[in-house]
Amino acid sequence: MDKNEIYLSIKAFADEYYNQKSNYEFIVSQETQQSEIDRLKKGIRHEQFFIIVDLLNFKIIDHGGLEEFGFDSKAFSLKTYFQMIPSKGITSLLKLLGEQTFLKAKSNLMSFLKPSFIVQIPIKFMHEEVCFLTKRTISPWQMTRCGKITAYLAEFTIIKTYDFEPLNPRIKGLSEEYSNIILREFNKNFNQLKPADNPFSPREILILKEYIGGAKSSKDLAESLGLKINTVNSYNKSILEKAKQFFGENLPLNTAFDVAKFMSKQGLLK
């Protein structure tokens, strides 16, 4: 699945999830929103930008700081945003995490700008040769009385040059128990994705988990799983090739064991 297909998939999810738009009763006033927009634009600092996404109409309705990074703010769109993420694998993971977040939203746990859903993502800016690691914080911007988040604020702060750091998803403002439910669903659903979205076969996922569980070599795996060493080596080669296709050709990993450690840090092998 390429980035355009991912974009269309996210749009399809939003269209299906928000299929009763005329019946929604919104709880955040325009005055409250405008006051926050004024604060955001006045307080925005170097190496920061923000966008506000309307999920009902699937478009950006306000933004700030984009010009500093070489973008035409009048032409900036959600498609532009998805193109800024250099890896289709990271885009797929963000899609999966976002869907779980919105599906699990409940009115008694959400309010304007609370809680915050935080993740580290790579961003490629206009006229830049390298990617930058950014901290992206998403907060509810508009909600319905029944608990659906219909618009969100996404704030971005550059941290450093990107070096394939993990997403490190976390939630600020929710109980640890409820946060863990969302993150567990994210992990479970990754393992159940269709091959077009998750290139790793069930056997390859098993092998990756074996590496995380303590296996250090092809010999260890062969003995543990009852396979021939040549068969394990074939799986190892396939895992490494698929990881580079999914997360980016420049992924600085040399073995399937390296891939296992990387994916574990992404929260995908629990």
Protein backbone atom coordinates (compact mmCIF):
# COMPACT_ATOMS: atom_id res chain seq x y z
CA MET A 1 0.00 0.00 0.00
CA ASP A 2 1.60 3.31 -1.09
CA LYS A 3 1.07 6.67 0.60
CA ASN A 4 -1.81 7.70 -1.66
CA GLU A 5 -3.56 4.41 -0.92
CA ILE A 6 -2.98 4.99 2.80
CA TYR A 7 -4.45 8.49 2.47
CA LEU A 8 -7.54 7.09 0.73
CA SER A 9 -7.80 4.34 3.35
CA ILE A 10 -7.75 6.89 6.19
CA LYS A 11 -10.35 8.99 4.38
CA ALA A 12 -12.54 5.90 3.94
CA PHE A 13 -12.24 5.17 7.67
CA ALA A 14 -13.28 8.76 8.50
CA ASP A 15 -16.22 8.66 6.06
CA GLU A 16 -17.47 5.42 7.60
CA TYR A 17 -16.85 6.40 11.22
CA TYR A 18 -18.55 9.81 10.86
CA ASN A 19 -21.56 8.66 8.87
CA GLN A 20 -24.20 10.51 10.91
CA LYS A 21 -22.83 14.04 10.63
CA SER A 22 -26.21 15.77 10.66
CA ASN A 23 -27.08 14.26 14.06
CA TYR A 24 -23.95 15.37 15.91
CA GLU A 25 -24.20 17.77 18.81
CA PHE A 26 -20.87 19.56 19.28
CA ILE A 27 -19.64 20.57 22.71
CA VAL A 28 -16.70 22.96 22.05
CA SER A 29 -17.67 26.54 21.23
CA GLN A 30 -16.11 28.55 18.41
CA GLU A 31 -15.10 31.20 20.96
CA THR A 32 -13.07 28.62 22.90
CA GLN A 33 -11.43 27.39 19.72
CA GLN A 34 -10.61 30.89 18.46
CA SER A 35 -9.07 31.84 21.77
CA GLU A 36 -6.77 28.82 21.54
CA ILE A 37 -5.88 29.57 17.89
CA ASP A 38 -4.88 33.10 18.91
CA ARG A 39 -2.71 31.68 21.69
CA LEU A 40 -1.11 29.10 19.38
CA LYS A 41 -0.23 31.61 16.68
CA LYS A 42 1.08 34.16 19.15
CA GLY A 43 3.20 31.62 21.03
CA ILE A 44 4.55 29.55 18.15
CA ARG A 45 8.33 29.24 18.31
CA HIS A 46 11.16 28.41 15.95
CA GLU A 47 11.04 24.80 14.69
CA GLN A 48 7.38 24.36 15.57
CA PHE A 49 4.20 24.21 13.52
CA PHE A 50 0.61 23.07 14.00
CA ILE A 51 -2.37 21.98 11.95
CA ILE A 52 -6.04 21.58 12.87
CA VAL A 53 -7.76 18.72 11.08
CA ASP A 54 -11.53 18.54 10.52
CA LEU A 55 -12.29 14.82 10.25
CA LEU A 56 -15.90 15.31 9.15
CA ASN A 57 -14.77 17.01 5.95
CA PHE A 58 -11.26 15.48 5.98
CA LYS A 59 -9.34 18.69 5.56
CA ILE A 60 -7.05 21.10 7.39
CA ILE A 61 -9.04 24.07 8.68
CA ASP A 62 -6.24 26.09 10.30
CA HIS A 63 -2.47 26.01 10.75
CA GLY A 64 0.54 27.96 11.85
CA GLY A 65 4.29 27.95 11.26
CA LEU A 66 4.26 26.12 7.91
CA GLU A 67 5.94 28.89 5.95
CA GLU A 68 9.13 28.57 7.99
CA PHE A 69 9.54 25.05 6.59
CA GLY A 70 9.11 26.06 2.96
CA PHE A 71 5.45 25.18 2.49
CA ASP A 72 2.79 27.24 0.76
CA SER A 73 0.26 27.47 3.58
CA LYS A 74 -2.60 28.16 1.14
CA ALA A 75 -1.94 24.94 -0.76
CA PHE A 76 -1.03 22.77 2.24
CA SER A 77 -3.39 19.80 2.60
CA LEU A 78 -3.67 16.43 4.31
CA LYS A 79 -2.12 14.85 1.24
CA THR A 80 0.84 17.18 1.63
CA TYR A 81 1.11 16.18 5.27
CA PHE A 82 1.19 12.44 4.49
CA GLN A 83 3.86 13.05 1.86
CA MET A 84 6.04 14.63 4.58
CA ILE A 85 6.34 11.26 6.32
CA PRO A 86 9.17 9.49 4.46
CA SER A 87 8.25 5.87 5.18
CA LYS A 88 5.03 4.16 4.12
CA GLY A 89 5.55 1.80 7.06
CA ILE A 90 5.54 4.65 9.59
CA THR A 91 2.48 6.13 7.85
CA SER A 92 0.71 2.77 8.13
CA LEU A 93 1.55 2.52 11.84
CA LEU A 94 0.28 6.06 12.47
CA LYS A 95 -2.94 5.20 10.63
CA LEU A 96 -3.42 2.12 12.79
CA LEU A 97 -2.66 3.98 16.01
CA GLY A 98 -4.98 6.85 15.05
CA GLU A 99 -7.87 4.53 14.28
CA GLN A 100 -7.55 2.83 17.66
CA THR A 101 -7.42 6.20 19.39
CA PHE A 102 -10.62 7.47 17.81
CA LEU A 103 -12.48 4.18 18.14
CA LYS A 104 -11.71 4.04 21.88
CA ALA A 105 -12.61 7.68 22.58
CA LYS A 106 -15.26 8.12 25.27
CA SER A 107 -17.06 11.31 26.25
CA ASN A 108 -16.35 10.93 29.97
CA LEU A 109 -12.60 10.71 29.31
CA MET A 110 -12.20 13.44 26.67
CA SER A 111 -12.48 17.22 26.71
CA PHE A 112 -11.12 20.17 24.76
CA LEU A 113 -7.35 19.61 24.33
CA LYS A 114 -7.39 16.67 26.75
CA PRO A 115 -5.95 14.07 26.72
CA SER A 116 -2.83 14.38 24.55
CA PHE A 117 -1.72 11.56 22.25
CA ILE A 118 2.04 11.84 21.77
CA VAL A 119 4.25 10.08 19.25
CA GLN A 120 7.67 10.62 17.67
CA ILE A 121 7.58 10.69 13.87
CA PRO A 122 10.02 11.51 11.06
CA ILE A 123 9.19 14.49 8.85
CA LYS A 124 10.77 15.56 5.55
CA PHE A 125 10.44 19.29 4.94
CA MET A 126 10.58 21.22 1.67
CA HIS A 127 14.10 21.83 0.35
CA GLU A 128 15.65 19.65 3.09
CA GLU A 129 17.89 16.69 2.26
CA VAL A 130 17.47 14.98 5.64
CA CYS A 131 14.51 13.90 7.75
CA PHE A 132 13.87 15.33 11.19
CA LEU A 133 12.50 13.56 14.23
CA THR A 134 9.51 15.47 15.55
CA LYS A 135 7.34 15.19 18.62
CA ARG A 136 3.74 15.20 17.44
CA THR A 137 1.05 15.90 20.03
CA ILE A 138 -2.59 15.36 19.03
CA SER A 139 -5.38 16.76 21.20
CA PRO A 140 -9.18 16.82 20.76
CA TRP A 141 -10.33 20.04 19.10
CA GLN A 142 -14.02 19.32 18.62
CA MET A 143 -16.16 16.57 20.09
CA THR A 144 -19.72 15.37 19.98
CA ARG A 145 -21.94 14.82 22.97
CA CYS A 146 -21.72 11.06 22.30
CA GLY A 147 -17.91 11.15 22.59
CA LYS A 148 -16.62 11.20 19.03
CA ILE A 149 -13.57 13.37 18.31
CA THR A 150 -14.49 15.17 15.07
CA ALA A 151 -11.49 17.51 14.83
CA TYR A 152 -8.04 17.47 16.35
CA LEU A 153 -5.08 19.76 16.92
CA ALA A 154 -1.69 18.36 15.90
CA GLU A 155 1.37 20.22 17.22
CA PHE A 156 4.86 19.43 15.94
CA THR A 157 8.24 20.25 17.48
CA ILE A 158 11.55 19.30 15.85
CA ILE A 159 13.76 17.26 18.17
CA LYS A 160 16.79 16.29 16.06
CA THR A 161 17.88 14.67 12.81
CA TYR A 162 15.96 11.42 12.35
CA ASP A 163 17.93 8.24 13.06
CA PHE A 164 15.14 5.64 12.93
CA GLU A 165 14.00 6.21 16.51
CA PRO A 166 10.83 4.35 17.62
CA LEU A 167 7.41 5.97 17.56
CA ASN A 168 7.27 5.71 21.36
CA PRO A 169 3.48 6.29 21.52
CA ARG A 170 2.16 7.52 24.84
CA ILE A 171 -0.93 9.22 26.18
CA LYS A 172 -0.89 12.12 28.61
CA GLY A 173 -4.02 12.78 30.63
CA LEU A 174 -5.55 9.29 30.73
CA SER A 175 -5.20 6.62 33.34
CA GLU A 176 -2.41 4.11 32.77
CA GLU A 177 -4.97 1.31 32.50
CA TYR A 178 -6.94 3.00 29.72
CA SER A 179 -3.80 4.11 27.90
CA ASN A 180 -2.55 0.53 27.91
CA ILE A 181 -5.84 -0.69 26.39
CA ILE A 182 -5.33 1.58 23.37
CA LEU A 183 -1.69 0.59 22.95
CA ARG A 184 -2.48 -3.13 23.30
CA GLU A 185 -5.14 -2.87 20.60
CA PHE A 186 -2.60 -1.11 18.37
CA ASN A 187 -0.19 -4.02 18.78
CA LYS A 188 -2.85 -6.70 18.33
CA ASN A 189 -4.28 -5.12 15.20
CA PHE A 190 -0.84 -4.80 13.60
CA ASN A 191 -0.43 -8.55 13.82
CA GLN A 192 -3.85 -9.01 12.21
CA LEU A 193 -3.35 -6.63 9.29
CA LYS A 194 -3.81 -7.81 5.71
CA PRO A 195 -0.59 -8.60 3.79
CA ALA A 196 -0.95 -5.35 1.85
CA ASP A 197 -0.62 -3.44 5.14
CA ASN A 198 1.66 -5.77 7.13
CA PRO A 199 4.24 -7.50 4.92
CA PHE A 200 5.39 -9.97 7.59
CA SER A 201 3.86 -13.45 7.51
CA PRO A 202 2.63 -15.11 10.74
CA ARG A 203 5.74 -17.34 10.75
CA GLU A 204 8.00 -14.30 10.32
CA ILE A 205 6.26 -12.54 13.22
CA LEU A 206 6.80 -15.68 15.31
CA ILE A 207 10.50 -15.68 14.45
CA LEU A 208 10.80 -11.99 15.33
CA LYS A 209 9.15 -12.67 18.68
CA GLU A 210 11.54 -15.57 19.28
CA TYR A 211 14.45 -13.19 18.83
CA ILE A 212 12.93 -10.81 21.37
CA GLY A 213 12.32 -13.77 23.68
CA GLY A 214 15.97 -14.69 23.84
CA ALA A 215 17.02 -16.45 20.64
CA LYS A 216 20.32 -15.04 19.41
CA SER A 217 21.11 -17.09 16.31
CA SER A 218 19.67 -19.17 13.49
CA LYS A 219 20.73 -22.27 15.42
CA ASP A 220 18.75 -21.17 18.48
CA LEU A 221 15.66 -20.59 16.33
CA ALA A 222 16.00 -23.84 14.45
CA GLU A 223 16.16 -25.80 17.72
CA SER A 224 13.30 -23.83 19.29
CA LEU A 225 10.92 -24.08 16.31
CA GLY A 226 11.97 -27.44 14.93
CA LEU A 227 13.17 -26.01 11.63
CA LYS A 228 16.26 -26.52 9.51
CA ILE A 229 18.94 -23.83 9.78
CA ASN A 230 18.68 -23.12 6.02
CA THR A 231 14.94 -22.54 6.44
CA VAL A 232 15.55 -20.10 9.29
CA ASN A 233 18.21 -18.29 7.23
CA SER A 234 15.71 -17.94 4.39
CA TYR A 235 13.18 -16.39 6.79
CA ASN A 236 15.86 -14.09 8.17
CA LYS A 237 16.68 -12.80 4.69
CA SER A 238 13.01 -12.26 3.88
CA ILE A 239 12.43 -10.41 7.18
CA LEU A 240 15.32 -8.02 6.53
CA GLU A 241 14.20 -7.31 2.95
CA LYS A 242 10.60 -6.69 4.00
CA ALA A 243 11.66 -4.42 6.88
CA LYS A 244 13.60 -2.19 4.50
CA GLN A 245 10.68 -2.07 2.07
CA PHE A 246 8.24 -1.21 4.86
CA PHE A 247 10.28 1.18 7.01
CA GLY A 248 12.66 2.59 4.38
CA GLU A 249 15.63 1.40 2.35
CA ASN A 250 18.02 3.35 4.58
CA LEU A 251 16.94 1.49 7.70
CA PRO A 252 20.31 0.90 9.43
CA LEU A 253 19.74 -2.77 10.25
CA ASN A 254 21.78 -5.75 9.07
CA THR A 255 20.05 -8.83 10.50
CA ALA A 256 16.61 -10.16 11.36
CA PHE A 257 17.64 -9.87 15.00
CA ASP A 258 18.19 -6.13 14.44
CA VAL A 259 14.72 -5.92 12.86
CA ALA A 260 13.21 -7.65 15.89
CA LYS A 261 14.79 -5.13 18.28
CA PHE A 262 13.64 -2.22 16.08
CA MET A 263 10.06 -3.49 15.83
CA SER A 264 9.95 -4.23 19.55
CA LYS A 265 10.84 -0.60 20.24
CA GLN A 266 7.97 0.39 17.94
CA GLY A 267 5.64 -1.60 20.20
CA LEU A 268 4.85 -4.19 17.52
CA LEU A 269 6.05 -7.46 19.02
CA LYS A 270 4.42 -7.56 22.45
